[in-house]
């Protein structure tokens, strides 16, 4: 497992392409709290559940000053399909070389169906408007994650 981010530290900046091919940087969100969540693969059952939960809770999250960004190792084309198929209304970013996932501690060994392999670990990092880590959650479950996160953030 890569080094996890610590609460109170500066989050690494990034610039990745979204589903439409636009470059999105963490610095674009200066002055706003942002929830950066990492998910393994677009349009799989768990990732779809999590993305749709974020979509369905986006208005209340934004109402409390939180933007949402999803990051996966998927190619931009897969993100475009995922966004369109499920009417996702927040940016999904392509991290094909998983460099951002590595920098955020969201890439490493994981256990799936009794086998250990290296891949993206479902994770969420909450940042303040200055990019300081306020909350980290690693190896989260897709089911119920957004509700638990809302409770943790008092939303």
Protein backbone atom coordinates (compact mmCIF):
# COMPACT_ATOMS: atom_id res chain seq x y z
CA UNK A 1 0.00 0.00 0.00
CA UNK A 2 1.23 3.45 -0.80
CA UNK A 3 1.54 6.10 1.90
CA UNK A 4 -1.88 7.29 3.03
CA UNK A 5 -2.54 11.00 3.34
CA UNK A 6 -2.59 12.35 6.86
CA UNK A 7 -5.19 14.74 8.25
CA UNK A 8 -3.76 18.26 8.46
CA UNK A 9 -1.34 17.86 5.53
CA UNK A 10 -1.45 19.54 2.14
CA UNK A 11 -3.02 17.31 -0.51
CA UNK A 12 -1.03 16.80 -3.70
CA UNK A 13 -2.27 18.94 -6.58
CA UNK A 14 -3.34 17.17 -9.75
CA UNK A 15 -4.54 17.92 -13.26
CA UNK A 16 -6.48 15.18 -15.06
CA UNK A 17 -8.89 14.97 -17.98
CA UNK A 18 -12.60 14.66 -17.33
CA UNK A 19 -15.15 12.67 -19.34
CA UNK A 20 -15.37 15.50 -21.91
CA UNK A 21 -11.61 15.87 -22.31
CA UNK A 22 -11.34 19.05 -20.22
CA UNK A 23 -8.41 19.43 -17.85
CA UNK A 24 -9.53 19.64 -14.22
CA UNK A 25 -7.07 20.61 -11.49
CA UNK A 26 -7.42 20.47 -7.74
CA UNK A 27 -6.37 24.13 -7.75
CA UNK A 28 -9.61 24.90 -9.68
CA UNK A 29 -11.39 24.23 -6.38
CA UNK A 30 -9.44 26.66 -4.20
CA UNK A 31 -11.78 28.30 -1.72
CA UNK A 32 -14.19 25.33 -1.67
CA UNK A 33 -14.25 22.11 0.26
CA UNK A 34 -13.91 19.13 -2.04
CA UNK A 35 -14.62 15.43 -1.64
CA UNK A 36 -12.20 13.46 -3.81
CA UNK A 37 -13.25 9.85 -4.11
CA UNK A 38 -11.36 7.06 -5.84
CA UNK A 39 -13.23 4.14 -7.36
CA UNK A 40 -11.86 1.08 -9.20
CA UNK A 41 -13.89 0.83 -12.43
CA UNK A 42 -16.72 2.73 -14.09
CA UNK A 43 -20.06 0.97 -14.60
CA UNK A 44 -19.32 -1.94 -12.25
CA UNK A 45 -22.00 -2.62 -9.62
CA UNK A 46 -20.24 -1.14 -6.58
CA UNK A 47 -18.85 1.86 -8.44
CA UNK A 48 -22.24 2.57 -9.99
CA UNK A 49 -23.92 2.41 -6.56
CA UNK A 50 -21.36 4.82 -5.11
CA UNK A 51 -21.48 7.26 -8.05
CA UNK A 52 -25.28 7.34 -8.06
CA UNK A 53 -25.28 7.94 -4.29
CA UNK A 54 -22.96 10.92 -4.78
CA UNK A 55 -25.19 12.14 -7.65
CA UNK A 56 -28.33 11.82 -5.53
CA UNK A 57 -26.73 13.66 -2.59
CA UNK A 58 -24.86 16.27 -4.62
CA UNK A 59 -27.29 19.13 -3.98
CA UNK A 60 -27.14 18.72 -0.21
CA UNK A 61 -23.33 18.30 -0.28
CA UNK A 62 -22.92 21.42 -2.42
CA UNK A 63 -25.43 23.25 -0.21
CA UNK A 64 -23.00 22.71 2.66
CA UNK A 65 -20.05 23.84 0.54
CA UNK A 66 -18.68 20.49 -0.69
CA UNK A 67 -17.89 19.74 -4.32
CA UNK A 68 -17.37 16.14 -5.46
CA UNK A 69 -14.74 14.74 -7.81
CA UNK A 70 -14.52 11.05 -8.76
CA UNK A 71 -11.20 9.58 -9.93
CA UNK A 72 -10.55 6.17 -11.49
CA UNK A 73 -7.98 4.51 -13.74
CA UNK A 74 -10.60 4.33 -16.52
CA UNK A 75 -9.96 5.84 -19.95
CA UNK A 76 -11.79 9.05 -20.79
CA UNK A 77 -14.17 7.18 -23.15
CA UNK A 78 -15.32 4.86 -20.35
CA UNK A 79 -15.94 7.89 -18.12
CA UNK A 80 -17.99 9.56 -20.85
CA UNK A 81 -20.22 6.47 -21.15
CA UNK A 82 -20.52 6.13 -17.37
CA UNK A 83 -21.42 9.81 -16.96
CA UNK A 84 -24.03 9.66 -19.72
CA UNK A 85 -25.55 6.31 -18.77
CA UNK A 86 -26.14 7.34 -15.16
CA UNK A 87 -26.63 11.14 -15.54
CA UNK A 88 -23.67 11.88 -13.30
CA UNK A 89 -23.45 15.61 -12.65
CA UNK A 90 -20.00 15.95 -11.09
CA UNK A 91 -16.58 15.52 -12.71
CA UNK A 92 -15.14 12.06 -13.21
CA UNK A 93 -11.42 12.18 -13.93
CA UNK A 94 -9.20 9.71 -15.75
CA UNK A 95 -6.07 8.63 -13.86
CA UNK A 96 -4.94 5.92 -16.29
CA UNK A 97 -1.36 5.74 -14.95
CA UNK A 98 -2.79 5.83 -11.37
CA UNK A 99 -0.26 8.50 -10.37
CA UNK A 100 -2.87 10.54 -8.49
CA UNK A 101 -4.21 7.43 -6.75
CA UNK A 102 -0.64 6.61 -5.70
CA UNK A 103 -0.09 10.16 -4.41
CA UNK A 104 -3.31 9.96 -2.39
CA UNK A 105 -2.61 6.50 -0.95
CA UNK A 106 -5.49 4.96 -2.90
CA UNK A 107 -3.43 2.44 -4.88
CA UNK A 108 -2.03 -0.76 -3.43
CA UNK A 109 -2.68 -4.35 -2.49
CA UNK A 110 -6.27 -5.40 -2.11
CA UNK A 111 -8.11 -8.62 -1.50
CA UNK A 112 -10.81 -9.59 -3.99
CA UNK A 113 -12.48 -13.00 -4.04
CA UNK A 114 -9.70 -14.48 -1.92
CA UNK A 115 -6.88 -13.21 -4.14
CA UNK A 116 -4.48 -10.38 -3.39
CA UNK A 117 -3.57 -8.08 -6.24
CA UNK A 118 -2.50 -4.49 -6.78
CA UNK A 119 -5.11 -1.98 -7.82
CA UNK A 120 -7.19 0.99 -6.85
CA UNK A 121 -8.44 0.89 -3.27
CA UNK A 122 -11.87 2.53 -2.88
CA UNK A 123 -11.02 5.65 -0.88
CA UNK A 124 -12.32 9.12 -0.05
CA UNK A 125 -10.37 12.22 0.93
CA UNK A 126 -12.06 15.44 2.07
CA UNK A 127 -10.13 18.68 1.58
CA UNK A 128 -10.76 22.21 2.78
CA UNK A 129 -10.61 25.28 0.55
CA UNK A 130 -6.83 25.48 0.92
CA UNK A 131 -6.29 21.84 -0.07
CA UNK A 132 -5.62 20.67 3.49
CA UNK A 133 -6.72 17.10 4.26
CA UNK A 134 -9.65 17.16 6.70
CA UNK A 135 -10.74 13.51 6.51
CA UNK A 136 -9.45 10.29 4.96
CA UNK A 137 -11.28 7.01 4.51
CA UNK A 138 -9.54 4.05 2.89
CA UNK A 139 -10.98 0.69 1.85
CA UNK A 140 -14.54 1.96 2.12
CA UNK A 141 -17.58 -0.05 1.10
CA UNK A 142 -19.53 1.36 -1.85
CA UNK A 143 -22.89 0.54 -0.26
CA UNK A 144 -23.84 3.20 2.29
CA UNK A 145 -20.57 5.12 1.97
CA UNK A 146 -22.10 8.47 0.99
CA UNK A 147 -24.60 8.36 3.87
CA UNK A 148 -21.82 7.53 6.34
CA UNK A 149 -19.71 10.35 4.90
CA UNK A 150 -22.61 12.80 5.24
CA UNK A 151 -22.98 11.81 8.90
CA UNK A 152 -19.23 12.22 9.48
CA UNK A 153 -19.35 15.70 7.90
CA UNK A 154 -22.53 16.68 9.75
CA UNK A 155 -24.62 17.08 6.57
